[in-house]
Every structure is written in structure tokens, then in C-alpha cells.
């Protein structure tokens, strides 16, 4: 029996508050103003923590996509809070429109709402793909233009913030500048202005000038590039406040802009005509949009180069071409070729030798879909990057998946601590892993070595490398740098 879910109607603009999950915080804060100008009442959710994830697990199977679990948990946690009039509350969720499971989150959310006792809550979709055509919430051209402006402004604010915050003389100055500009831009957007090409081109240098005037002390910092699935990459709930953690450890976070993902989706709609024979007129429209958005990105890059204080992003079209030299344009499930592109951009920007990099992939995250793993990892390995399979044995490594180990482009196998803990008395699983690694000519690393007996057994068995508290406990980054990277200790062995 099909469930007739409640639809978000045009009349609900005036009567309902729309709750929005907190993915890209700065961009979504600005998007809230754009939606308010169009007559919607919105609120960006800020509830985070393990309780949100546990609530999501109550209504979403743990094999379902992790972002879906968190987004649904966050919505339900907000509805349970008592803060909202449940008869006048709606939810807004994004849909990519591609083959990714993100296009189906909305159905999982509706099912969870019924199970949680909120069958009356309507769910609206924010998408550029024409999904949910019967919804009263529609992406009009004026709203789309304002949304694009919000993403551009938000990307720029985030990039400048991350290039200033690690070096600021007064802690919090960069964050206060972000808040100041979100408020300024919000007022402009509520007045129906600020989204045209001319207005954006005028505003970009003003934003850069304000960030350049923040007093800083430039000292060498470790730069940490962050790539990956869009929600986990940007959402503090999804990545456990990764940016704040990196800043607290004395690092400079380097994240691509949200607009890169939008350009990736737009370009995929363009290339679908060439690859799959989809509607040529639709492809032509997307191509015009693609060129327009590239032009606005070029304005930001040109301005940042002229200003001279900040590193501009690499033009997306250049990133795309670099990735397509080693990975096909048809690899586009989820983030598809964009993952490879983002990694290659970081390698190019910081002149990193690919053979000095090792990319760790958690076995429980990727081995359940070996074909997808090969499609993503093989181009990176072809570019010279070494691939390590982490937590081996803790995921979905059944006999069928183990058969795929012969095709996975992996150089290093890391034996999970759960198996090392049993050494030397219970060694059967470790012996099996060692035998398999030798037959596939893989380098082995044992994780979580804590006793001399474990170390001795592994050494005797021929395991080349190990890590764990037996050798050294975890230390803060400044202690590590002082101990191993400074002065006369530069050549010290870890």
C-alpha cells in the first residue's frame, strides 16, 4: 500500500517554519536569507552530538548512507525538542538528482517521520533536477540565482576564514569577520539585491580587504587538505567538527568550495548527452549555466590574485581536465570523479610528489562495493599515490569480497588492533591475513601493538611495520614537531 505523504503546499509559505540541516554552515546561513526573501520562514538546525546519530540509527538502518542517518536523526531530534509547533513545521532536504542514494533520502525521511509519530510533517526538496514536481516548494530561476550567489559568498568567506584563523593575533577575529559579512550580506539579500554578477564582482574585493586587515603572524603551519563525501566534508555533525579540531592542533584546514560540487553536478548533466544520448536541448541549457558559473568563479580567482593576500582556488574547469586525464567522466556515482579531482588539485597546488602520499581507505567503508572502490582508487594509484587498506577484517570481508582483493589497487594492508590484541596466544586470524598479503605482494602494518610479546610475534612472522603505544603514545602536534621535526632531532626515527 502506497503511503500518501503530506505535501508542502504554496500556502505553507506563510504558515510553516522550515527546518534545514546544517551541512555547509556559512553557505546555508546565507541561503536562509535568500529563502526568507522569497517568503519562506526558515531555521538552520544546530543540534549535534552522539544523541543525534543514535536517534538516526533508531529509524534508519546502519547500512544506509551515513549522511542520511545523521540528517534524519537531526531532524527528529529537533522535532522531539518541543521548540516547534508540529502542525506548522516543515523540513527541507537537498536532492542531487543523480544515482547517489542522496536522491532517495527524502523517502527515508518520510518513512522515519511516520514511525516517529510525525506523519503530518511535510518534507520539501531543494534540487536543480526537477524532482518532486508536485511540491509547493519549487526552485525558480530567481531563487536559483540567489542560491548561487549565497554559495559563492559562503565559499569565499570560508576560504578566507581558513587562511586567516590559524595565524590571527586575536583568537576569533576571523570568525567574527565571517559573522559580520553574513549579517551584511543577509541584509542585502533581504532587500532583493546582491546576487547579480555586477553586485558580486563589486562585493568580492570588499570582503577580501576586510579579511586582509585582520592582524596576523604568518608562521609555517601544516596544511591539511579535506576531501570526500559532500556532507561529511562540510558538516560539523558529519565530521565531528573537523575544521575546529585541525585549528586547535595548529593546522590550516584546506577545503574545496561547495560550488565545486555544484559545478560537478552541472557538468555531469552536460556530459550525459555525449555519454548516454540524453536530451540535447537540456544539455545545451546546462552548458550555458556551467559557463556562467565558471565565469563567476573566475571573477573570485582574479580578484584574489590581484589582492595578493590569499591563495585562490584552482579554476574548476582546470581541476576537471586534470582528473579526466586519469579517470573517466562517466564515473559519477555520488562524488565520482570529483574525489580524484580534489586530491589532484591539492597535489598540484602544493607541488606534492604523489609517491610520497599514502591514502588510507577504511575497509568497512569501501570494500562492500569493490567495483566503486576500483573506479575511484585506480586512477589515484596510476597517478603514483600509494593506497592503504585500514582496519582490515573489520568490515564486510566475506569470501566474495576477499576474491575482489586481487583486483583492488592496494599497496598496504593494515591489520586491525582487534586481531593484534589476541597475540601471541590467538594468532589464527593474523596468520591468515599475513598469508593473503604475501600472496598479493602487499606491505603489512600491524596496528595497536602494546606489548613486547605482540611485537616479537609479529616480527618473527615477517610483518614489516607496526604502530601502537608500545613505541610511543599519541601526542599533540606541537610535541611531535618538537620531538621529531625540530633542530638536531630532524633525523630521529619514530
Protein backbone atom coordinates (compact mmCIF):
# COMPACT_ATOMS: atom_id res chain seq x y z
CA UNK A 1 0.00 0.00 0.00
CA UNK A 2 1.47 3.35 -1.04
CA UNK A 3 1.77 5.99 1.67
CA UNK A 4 0.19 9.33 0.74
CA UNK A 5 2.67 11.67 2.32
CA UNK A 6 1.73 15.27 3.18
CA UNK A 7 2.86 17.71 0.50
CA UNK A 8 4.39 21.11 1.08
CA UNK A 9 1.86 23.49 -0.46
CA UNK A 10 2.33 27.12 -1.59
CA UNK A 11 0.08 28.25 1.26
CA UNK A 12 2.55 26.82 3.79
CA UNK A 13 4.96 29.61 2.95
CA UNK A 14 3.01 31.82 5.33
CA UNK A 15 2.13 29.27 7.99
CA UNK A 16 5.10 26.89 8.36
CA UNK A 17 8.65 27.17 9.67
CA UNK A 18 11.06 25.19 7.50
CA UNK A 19 13.90 23.39 9.31
CA UNK A 20 17.14 22.96 7.33
CA UNK A 21 20.01 20.57 8.25
CA UNK A 22 23.38 22.14 8.97
CA UNK A 23 25.65 20.99 6.17
CA UNK A 24 27.78 23.86 4.85
CA UNK A 25 27.10 26.26 7.72
CA UNK A 26 28.13 29.62 6.22
CA UNK A 27 26.61 28.93 2.81
CA UNK A 28 23.36 27.71 4.38
CA UNK A 29 23.16 30.71 6.72
CA UNK A 30 23.18 32.93 3.64
CA UNK A 31 20.74 30.66 1.84
CA UNK A 32 18.33 31.18 4.72
CA UNK A 33 18.19 34.89 3.83
CA UNK A 34 17.54 34.10 0.16
CA UNK A 35 14.66 31.83 1.15
CA UNK A 36 13.26 34.44 3.53
CA UNK A 37 13.25 36.98 0.70
CA UNK A 38 11.11 34.54 -1.28
CA UNK A 39 8.62 34.41 1.60
CA UNK A 40 9.77 31.25 3.40
CA UNK A 41 10.30 31.13 7.17
CA UNK A 42 13.44 29.05 7.81
CA UNK A 43 15.78 27.92 10.56
CA UNK A 44 19.17 26.26 10.18
CA UNK A 45 19.49 23.47 12.74
CA UNK A 46 22.48 23.43 15.06
CA UNK A 47 21.76 20.37 17.21
CA UNK A 48 24.73 17.99 17.05
CA UNK A 49 26.30 15.24 19.12
CA UNK A 50 26.14 11.49 19.52
CA UNK A 51 22.49 11.60 20.60
CA UNK A 52 21.56 12.79 17.11
CA UNK A 53 23.38 9.86 15.50
CA UNK A 54 21.80 7.37 17.92
CA UNK A 55 18.34 8.73 17.15
CA UNK A 56 19.05 8.36 13.44
CA UNK A 57 20.07 4.74 13.99
CA UNK A 58 16.72 4.12 15.67
CA UNK A 59 14.88 4.89 12.44
CA UNK A 60 17.48 4.29 9.70
CA UNK A 61 19.35 1.02 9.16
CA UNK A 62 23.07 1.35 9.87
CA UNK A 63 23.90 0.03 6.40
CA UNK A 64 22.19 3.10 4.96
CA UNK A 65 24.31 6.05 3.89
CA UNK A 66 25.89 7.75 6.93
CA UNK A 67 24.79 11.30 5.95
CA UNK A 68 21.17 10.13 5.65
CA UNK A 69 21.36 8.64 9.13
CA UNK A 70 22.66 11.91 10.59
CA UNK A 71 20.32 14.26 8.71
CA UNK A 72 17.26 12.23 9.67
CA UNK A 73 18.48 12.00 13.27
CA UNK A 74 19.00 15.75 13.40
CA UNK A 75 15.50 16.44 12.07
CA UNK A 76 13.86 14.04 14.54
CA UNK A 77 15.92 15.40 17.44
CA UNK A 78 14.70 18.90 16.60
CA UNK A 79 11.07 17.78 16.37
CA UNK A 80 11.42 15.98 19.72
CA UNK A 81 12.81 19.12 21.39
CA UNK A 82 9.43 20.79 21.96
CA UNK A 83 10.66 24.04 20.37
CA UNK A 84 8.39 23.85 17.33
CA UNK A 85 4.69 23.89 16.57
CA UNK A 86 4.46 20.46 14.94
CA UNK A 87 1.34 21.41 12.97
CA UNK A 88 3.19 24.33 11.39
CA UNK A 89 6.65 22.88 10.79
CA UNK A 90 8.14 21.54 7.56
CA UNK A 91 11.52 20.05 6.67
CA UNK A 92 13.79 20.89 3.74
CA UNK A 93 16.25 18.39 2.30
CA UNK A 94 18.54 18.60 -0.74
CA UNK A 95 18.42 16.09 -3.58
CA UNK A 96 21.25 15.76 -6.08
CA UNK A 97 19.17 14.04 -8.74
CA UNK A 98 21.96 11.60 -9.66
CA UNK A 99 22.45 7.91 -8.98
CA UNK A 100 23.68 8.61 -5.45
CA UNK A 101 21.48 7.48 -2.58
CA UNK A 102 21.15 11.17 -1.62
CA UNK A 103 18.33 11.40 -4.15
CA UNK A 104 16.38 8.92 -2.02
CA UNK A 105 16.96 10.45 1.42
CA UNK A 106 13.61 12.20 1.18
CA UNK A 107 11.77 8.88 1.08
CA UNK A 108 13.74 7.53 4.06
CA UNK A 109 12.94 10.72 5.96
CA UNK A 110 9.22 10.47 5.26
CA UNK A 111 9.22 6.85 6.41
CA UNK A 112 11.08 7.79 9.60
CA UNK A 113 8.63 10.62 10.32
CA UNK A 114 5.71 8.20 10.21
CA UNK A 115 7.48 5.72 12.50
CA UNK A 116 8.43 8.51 14.94
CA UNK A 117 4.83 9.73 15.17
CA UNK A 118 5.08 12.80 12.93
CA UNK A 119 3.11 11.77 9.82
CA UNK A 120 1.75 15.31 9.41
CA UNK A 121 5.17 16.92 8.86
CA UNK A 122 5.66 17.80 5.16
CA UNK A 123 9.09 17.47 3.55
CA UNK A 124 10.19 19.82 0.77
CA UNK A 125 13.02 19.14 -1.68
CA UNK A 126 15.70 21.63 -2.72
CA UNK A 127 17.11 20.47 -6.05
CA UNK A 128 18.01 21.65 -9.53
CA UNK A 129 16.88 18.44 -11.22
CA UNK A 130 13.10 18.82 -11.38
CA UNK A 131 12.45 16.22 -8.69
CA UNK A 132 9.29 16.44 -6.55
CA UNK A 133 7.38 18.30 -9.29
CA UNK A 134 4.15 18.25 -7.25
CA UNK A 135 5.69 20.12 -4.33
CA UNK A 136 4.72 23.66 -3.42
CA UNK A 137 8.42 24.39 -2.93
CA UNK A 138 9.94 24.94 -6.34
CA UNK A 139 13.38 26.12 -7.42
CA UNK A 140 12.56 29.17 -9.53
CA UNK A 141 15.18 30.91 -11.66
CA UNK A 142 15.33 33.99 -9.35
CA UNK A 143 15.76 31.73 -6.30
CA UNK A 144 18.41 29.69 -8.11
CA UNK A 145 20.37 32.86 -8.89
CA UNK A 146 20.23 33.95 -5.26
CA UNK A 147 21.21 30.46 -4.12
CA UNK A 148 24.26 30.51 -6.42
CA UNK A 149 25.27 33.91 -5.02
CA UNK A 150 24.95 32.55 -1.46
CA UNK A 151 27.22 29.64 -2.31
CA UNK A 152 29.82 31.90 -3.93
CA UNK A 153 29.79 34.31 -0.99
CA UNK A 154 29.88 31.44 1.50
CA UNK A 155 32.74 29.67 -0.28
CA UNK A 156 34.78 32.86 -0.28
CA UNK A 157 34.10 33.57 3.39
CA UNK A 158 35.08 30.01 4.35
CA UNK A 159 38.26 30.07 2.26
CA UNK A 160 39.42 33.41 3.68
CA UNK A 161 38.50 32.39 7.21
CA UNK A 162 40.59 29.22 6.98
CA UNK A 163 43.55 31.15 5.56
CA UNK A 164 43.40 33.74 8.37
CA UNK A 165 42.22 31.89 11.50
CA UNK A 166 45.40 29.78 12.03
CA UNK A 167 47.55 32.92 12.03
CA UNK A 168 45.33 35.58 13.63
CA UNK A 169 46.82 37.55 16.52
CA UNK A 170 43.46 37.83 18.27
CA UNK A 171 41.67 34.49 18.58
CA UNK A 172 38.24 34.52 16.97
CA UNK A 173 38.84 37.55 14.75
CA UNK A 174 38.31 35.62 11.51
CA UNK A 175 35.09 34.02 12.80
CA UNK A 176 33.76 37.42 13.86
CA UNK A 177 34.51 38.74 10.38
CA UNK A 178 32.54 35.85 8.86
CA UNK A 179 29.59 36.68 11.14
CA UNK A 180 29.83 40.37 10.22
CA UNK A 181 29.72 39.65 6.50
CA UNK A 182 26.93 37.08 6.82
CA UNK A 183 24.86 39.78 8.55
CA UNK A 184 25.75 42.41 5.93
CA UNK A 185 25.03 40.10 3.01
CA UNK A 186 21.85 38.93 4.71
CA UNK A 187 20.50 42.48 4.84
CA UNK A 188 21.37 42.95 1.16
CA UNK A 189 19.72 39.67 0.15
CA UNK A 190 16.57 40.51 2.15
CA UNK A 191 16.39 43.75 0.16
CA UNK A 192 16.38 41.74 -3.07
CA UNK A 193 19.91 42.76 -4.02
CA UNK A 194 23.46 41.41 -4.00
CA UNK A 195 23.02 38.44 -6.34
CA UNK A 196 23.71 39.90 -9.78
CA UNK A 197 27.06 39.41 -11.48
CA UNK A 198 27.84 43.13 -11.17
CA UNK A 199 26.97 43.24 -7.47
CA UNK A 200 29.01 40.12 -6.66
CA UNK A 201 32.01 41.44 -8.59
CA UNK A 202 31.78 44.66 -6.55
CA UNK A 203 31.44 42.85 -3.21
CA UNK A 204 34.20 40.22 -3.52
CA UNK A 205 37.11 42.73 -3.15
CA UNK A 206 35.44 44.35 -0.13
CA UNK A 207 35.25 41.00 1.65
CA UNK A 208 38.88 40.22 0.84
CA UNK A 209 40.04 43.65 2.03
CA UNK A 210 38.35 43.20 5.42
CA UNK A 211 39.99 39.81 5.96
CA UNK A 212 43.36 41.17 4.81
CA UNK A 213 43.14 43.85 7.52
CA UNK A 214 42.95 41.27 10.32
CA UNK A 215 46.33 41.31 12.14
CA UNK A 216 48.15 38.01 11.66
CA UNK A 217 51.54 36.46 12.29
CA UNK A 218 52.46 34.22 9.38
CA UNK A 219 54.45 31.22 10.55
CA UNK A 220 54.81 27.80 8.88
CA UNK A 221 51.74 25.64 9.51
CA UNK A 222 50.81 22.14 8.45
CA UNK A 223 48.12 22.41 5.78
CA UNK A 224 45.56 19.60 5.87
CA UNK A 225 43.51 19.04 2.73
CA UNK A 226 40.00 17.70 3.31
CA UNK A 227 38.24 15.82 0.51
CA UNK A 228 35.43 13.31 0.47
CA UNK A 229 31.66 12.87 0.51
CA UNK A 230 29.94 16.26 0.45
CA UNK A 231 28.02 16.05 3.74
CA UNK A 232 30.84 14.55 5.79
CA UNK A 233 33.30 17.03 4.27
CA UNK A 234 31.32 20.15 5.19
CA UNK A 235 29.01 19.30 8.09
CA UNK A 236 30.36 19.66 11.65
CA UNK A 237 27.88 16.95 12.64
CA UNK A 238 29.15 14.65 9.90
CA UNK A 239 32.87 15.20 10.51
CA UNK A 240 32.80 15.75 14.29
CA UNK A 241 33.85 19.40 13.92
CA UNK A 242 36.94 18.52 11.91
CA UNK A 243 37.85 22.09 10.97
CA UNK A 244 37.81 23.20 14.61
CA UNK A 245 39.92 20.20 15.58
CA UNK A 246 42.51 20.96 12.89
CA UNK A 247 42.71 24.58 14.01
CA UNK A 248 43.12 23.51 17.65
CA UNK A 249 46.03 21.30 16.57
CA UNK A 250 47.79 24.24 14.92
CA UNK A 251 46.93 23.26 11.34
CA UNK A 252 45.40 25.16 8.44
CA UNK A 253 42.34 23.37 7.02
CA UNK A 254 42.15 23.43 3.22
CA UNK A 255 38.68 22.65 1.87
CA UNK A 256 37.29 22.96 -1.64
CA UNK A 257 34.25 25.15 -2.12
CA UNK A 258 30.68 23.90 -2.16
CA UNK A 259 30.40 25.45 -5.62
CA UNK A 260 32.83 22.83 -6.93
CA UNK A 261 30.26 20.15 -6.12
CA UNK A 262 27.56 22.21 -7.83
CA UNK A 263 29.75 22.58 -10.93
CA UNK A 264 30.42 18.84 -10.84
CA UNK A 265 26.66 18.15 -10.89
CA UNK A 266 26.05 20.70 -13.65
CA UNK A 267 28.88 19.31 -15.79
CA UNK A 268 27.57 15.77 -15.36
CA UNK A 269 24.25 16.95 -16.81
CA UNK A 270 26.15 18.41 -19.77
CA UNK A 271 28.21 15.30 -20.47
CA UNK A 272 25.20 12.97 -20.12
CA UNK A 273 24.16 13.99 -23.64
CA UNK A 274 27.51 12.89 -25.06
CA UNK A 275 27.81 9.71 -22.98
CA UNK A 276 24.22 8.50 -22.91
CA UNK A 277 22.36 10.44 -25.58
CA UNK A 278 20.19 12.39 -23.17
CA UNK A 279 18.16 15.38 -24.36
CA UNK A 280 20.39 17.74 -26.35
CA UNK A 281 18.38 20.87 -25.53
CA UNK A 282 18.62 20.16 -21.81
CA UNK A 283 22.38 19.62 -22.15
CA UNK A 284 22.70 22.94 -24.00
CA UNK A 285 20.92 24.78 -21.17
CA UNK A 286 23.16 23.16 -18.55
CA UNK A 287 26.21 24.08 -20.64
CA UNK A 288 25.16 27.74 -20.57
CA UNK A 289 24.70 27.56 -16.79
CA UNK A 290 28.08 25.84 -16.45
CA UNK A 291 29.86 28.58 -18.40
CA UNK A 292 28.06 31.29 -16.43
CA UNK A 293 29.05 29.81 -13.07
CA UNK A 294 32.64 29.29 -14.26
CA UNK A 295 32.72 32.98 -15.14
CA UNK A 296 31.69 33.99 -11.62
CA UNK A 297 34.34 31.69 -10.16
CA UNK A 298 36.89 33.32 -12.46
CA UNK A 299 35.94 36.72 -11.00
CA UNK A 300 36.79 35.48 -7.50
CA UNK A 301 40.08 33.95 -8.63
CA UNK A 302 41.09 37.10 -10.49
CA UNK A 303 40.22 39.28 -7.51
CA UNK A 304 42.16 37.09 -5.04
CA UNK A 305 45.22 37.09 -7.30
CA UNK A 306 45.06 40.87 -7.59
CA UNK A 307 44.61 41.31 -3.84
CA UNK A 308 47.71 39.18 -3.21
CA UNK A 309 46.96 38.21 0.39
CA UNK A 310 45.22 34.90 -0.21
CA UNK A 311 45.53 31.70 -2.25
CA UNK A 312 42.79 31.48 -4.86
CA UNK A 313 41.19 28.16 -5.73
CA UNK A 314 42.17 26.40 -8.93
CA UNK A 315 39.61 27.03 -11.70
CA UNK A 316 37.16 24.16 -11.66
CA UNK A 317 37.49 23.50 -15.38
CA UNK A 318 41.23 23.05 -14.90
CA UNK A 319 40.62 20.67 -12.00
CA UNK A 320 38.17 18.71 -14.13
CA UNK A 321 40.59 18.37 -17.04
CA UNK A 322 43.39 17.17 -14.76
CA UNK A 323 41.19 14.46 -13.29
CA UNK A 324 39.82 13.33 -16.63
CA UNK A 325 43.33 12.58 -17.79
CA UNK A 326 43.28 9.57 -15.43
CA UNK A 327 39.60 8.86 -14.63
CA UNK A 328 36.60 8.65 -16.93
CA UNK A 329 33.88 11.30 -16.96
CA UNK A 330 31.28 8.56 -16.57
CA UNK A 331 32.47 7.73 -13.03
CA UNK A 332 29.94 9.90 -11.28
CA UNK A 333 28.04 7.97 -8.63
CA UNK A 334 27.98 10.23 -5.60
CA UNK A 335 31.15 12.34 -5.79
CA UNK A 336 32.60 10.05 -8.50
CA UNK A 337 35.48 11.66 -10.37
CA UNK A 338 35.28 14.75 -8.14
CA UNK A 339 37.07 12.89 -5.32
CA UNK A 340 40.03 12.24 -7.58
CA UNK A 341 39.88 15.81 -8.89
CA UNK A 342 40.02 17.32 -5.39
CA UNK A 343 43.03 15.21 -4.45
CA UNK A 344 44.83 16.12 -7.66
CA UNK A 345 44.12 19.81 -7.04
CA UNK A 346 45.83 19.62 -3.64
CA UNK A 347 48.79 17.76 -5.12
CA UNK A 348 49.17 20.36 -7.85
CA UNK A 349 48.61 23.38 -5.61
CA UNK A 350 51.24 22.38 -3.05
CA UNK A 351 53.61 20.68 -5.51
CA UNK A 352 53.43 17.36 -3.67
CA UNK A 353 55.19 14.35 -5.15
CA UNK A 354 52.43 11.72 -5.49
CA UNK A 355 54.72 8.85 -4.47
CA UNK A 356 55.20 10.49 -1.07
CA UNK A 357 51.47 10.16 -0.32
CA UNK A 358 49.62 7.20 1.11
CA UNK A 359 45.83 7.28 1.03
CA UNK A 360 44.16 5.24 3.77
CA UNK A 361 40.78 3.71 2.96
CA UNK A 362 38.77 2.13 5.77
CA UNK A 363 37.87 -1.41 4.72
CA UNK A 364 34.49 -1.27 6.42
CA UNK A 365 33.64 1.83 4.36
CA UNK A 366 34.58 0.72 0.84
CA UNK A 367 35.19 -3.00 0.38
CA UNK A 368 31.43 -3.65 0.39
CA UNK A 369 31.38 -2.14 -3.12
CA UNK A 370 34.62 -3.30 -4.79
CA UNK A 371 33.66 -2.00 -8.23
CA UNK A 372 33.17 1.52 -6.89
CA UNK A 373 36.40 1.22 -4.93
CA UNK A 374 38.36 0.23 -8.04
CA UNK A 375 36.82 3.05 -10.08
CA UNK A 376 37.87 5.66 -7.51
CA UNK A 377 41.20 4.26 -6.29
CA UNK A 378 42.78 3.01 -9.51
CA UNK A 379 43.22 6.49 -11.05
CA UNK A 380 44.87 7.70 -7.85
CA UNK A 381 47.24 4.76 -7.84
CA UNK A 382 48.01 5.37 -11.52
CA UNK A 383 48.95 8.91 -10.54
CA UNK A 384 51.57 7.49 -8.15
CA UNK A 385 49.68 7.63 -4.83
CA UNK A 386 50.03 4.57 -2.57
CA UNK A 387 46.78 3.06 -1.24
CA UNK A 388 46.50 1.53 2.24
CA UNK A 389 43.50 -0.56 3.35
CA UNK A 390 42.89 0.27 7.00
CA UNK A 391 41.08 -1.78 9.69
CA UNK A 392 41.33 -4.89 7.53
CA UNK A 393 38.97 -7.65 8.64
CA UNK A 394 36.55 -5.35 10.46
CA UNK A 395 34.17 -4.64 7.58
CA UNK A 396 32.36 -6.75 5.00
CA UNK A 397 35.23 -9.05 4.06
CA UNK A 398 33.22 -12.18 3.17
CA UNK A 399 34.53 -14.71 0.66
CA UNK A 400 33.10 -12.78 -2.29
CA UNK A 401 34.74 -9.55 -1.14
CA UNK A 402 38.04 -11.30 -0.43
CA UNK A 403 38.02 -12.55 -4.02
CA UNK A 404 37.94 -8.90 -5.09
CA UNK A 405 41.13 -8.22 -3.12
CA UNK A 406 43.03 -9.39 -6.20
CA UNK A 407 41.58 -6.50 -8.22
CA UNK A 408 41.67 -3.74 -5.60
CA UNK A 409 44.51 -1.26 -6.29
CA UNK A 410 46.03 -1.59 -2.80
CA UNK A 411 49.70 -1.38 -1.74
CA UNK A 412 49.43 -1.64 2.05
CA UNK A 413 47.28 -3.80 4.34
CA UNK A 414 46.82 -2.67 7.95
CA UNK A 415 45.96 -5.42 10.44
CA UNK A 416 43.30 -4.12 12.80
CA UNK A 417 44.10 -3.81 16.53
CA UNK A 418 41.24 -6.19 17.35
CA UNK A 419 43.30 -9.07 15.89
CA UNK A 420 46.63 -7.88 17.30
CA UNK A 421 45.13 -7.79 20.82
CA UNK A 422 44.93 -11.60 20.86
CA UNK A 423 48.60 -12.15 20.08
CA UNK A 424 50.56 -14.26 20.71
CA UNK A 425 48.02 -16.79 22.07
CA UNK A 426 45.29 -16.34 19.43
CA UNK A 427 47.11 -15.90 16.14
CA UNK A 428 44.99 -17.77 13.59
CA UNK A 429 43.35 -14.70 12.01
CA UNK A 430 46.61 -12.74 11.84
CA UNK A 431 48.37 -15.70 10.22
CA UNK A 432 45.63 -15.88 7.58
CA UNK A 433 45.91 -12.15 6.85
CA UNK A 434 49.71 -12.40 6.59
CA UNK A 435 49.46 -15.32 4.17
CA UNK A 436 46.98 -13.46 1.97
CA UNK A 437 49.08 -10.27 1.97
CA UNK A 438 52.19 -12.22 0.93
CA UNK A 439 50.34 -13.89 -1.93
CA UNK A 440 49.22 -10.45 -3.17
CA UNK A 441 52.63 -8.85 -2.56
CA UNK A 442 51.23 -6.26 -0.12
CA UNK A 443 53.16 -4.38 2.55
CA UNK A 444 51.83 -5.16 6.06
CA UNK A 445 51.37 -2.82 9.02
CA UNK A 446 50.12 -4.09 12.37
CA UNK A 447 48.02 -1.62 14.38
CA UNK A 448 47.70 -1.28 18.14
CA UNK A 449 50.87 -3.06 19.30
CA UNK A 450 51.01 -2.65 23.07
CA UNK A 451 53.25 -5.45 24.41
CA UNK A 452 56.72 -6.83 23.68
CA UNK A 453 55.17 -10.25 23.17
CA UNK A 454 52.94 -8.93 20.37
CA UNK A 455 55.88 -7.14 18.73
CA UNK A 456 58.11 -10.22 18.93
CA UNK A 457 55.45 -12.49 17.41
CA UNK A 458 54.78 -10.09 14.53
CA UNK A 459 58.48 -9.62 13.81
CA UNK A 460 59.03 -13.38 13.77
CA UNK A 461 56.04 -13.74 11.41
CA UNK A 462 57.62 -11.26 8.99
CA UNK A 463 55.34 -8.24 9.49
CA UNK A 464 57.48 -5.33 8.32
CA UNK A 465 55.94 -2.39 10.21
CA UNK A 466 53.87 -1.69 13.28
CA UNK A 467 52.34 1.11 15.29
CA UNK A 468 50.97 1.38 18.79
CA UNK A 469 51.51 2.59 22.33
CA UNK A 470 54.43 0.18 22.81
CA UNK A 471 56.50 2.52 20.62
CA UNK A 472 55.01 5.86 21.67
CA UNK A 473 51.69 7.17 22.99
CA UNK A 474 49.67 9.67 20.97
CA UNK A 475 50.98 13.21 21.48
CA UNK A 476 49.77 16.69 20.46
CA UNK A 477 51.13 18.05 17.17
CA UNK A 478 53.42 20.60 18.86
CA UNK A 479 55.06 17.86 20.96
CA UNK A 480 55.51 15.70 17.86
CA UNK A 481 57.11 18.57 15.94
CA UNK A 482 59.46 19.40 18.85
CA UNK A 483 60.42 15.78 19.35
CA UNK A 484 60.89 14.64 15.76
CA UNK A 485 60.95 17.62 13.38
CA UNK A 486 62.97 20.37 15.06
CA UNK A 487 66.65 21.20 15.14
CA UNK A 488 69.13 18.41 15.69
CA UNK A 489 66.35 15.84 16.04
CA UNK A 490 65.29 16.19 12.44
CA UNK A 491 66.56 12.71 11.61
CA UNK A 492 65.17 10.98 14.68
CA UNK A 493 63.33 7.75 13.96
CA UNK A 494 59.80 7.41 15.20
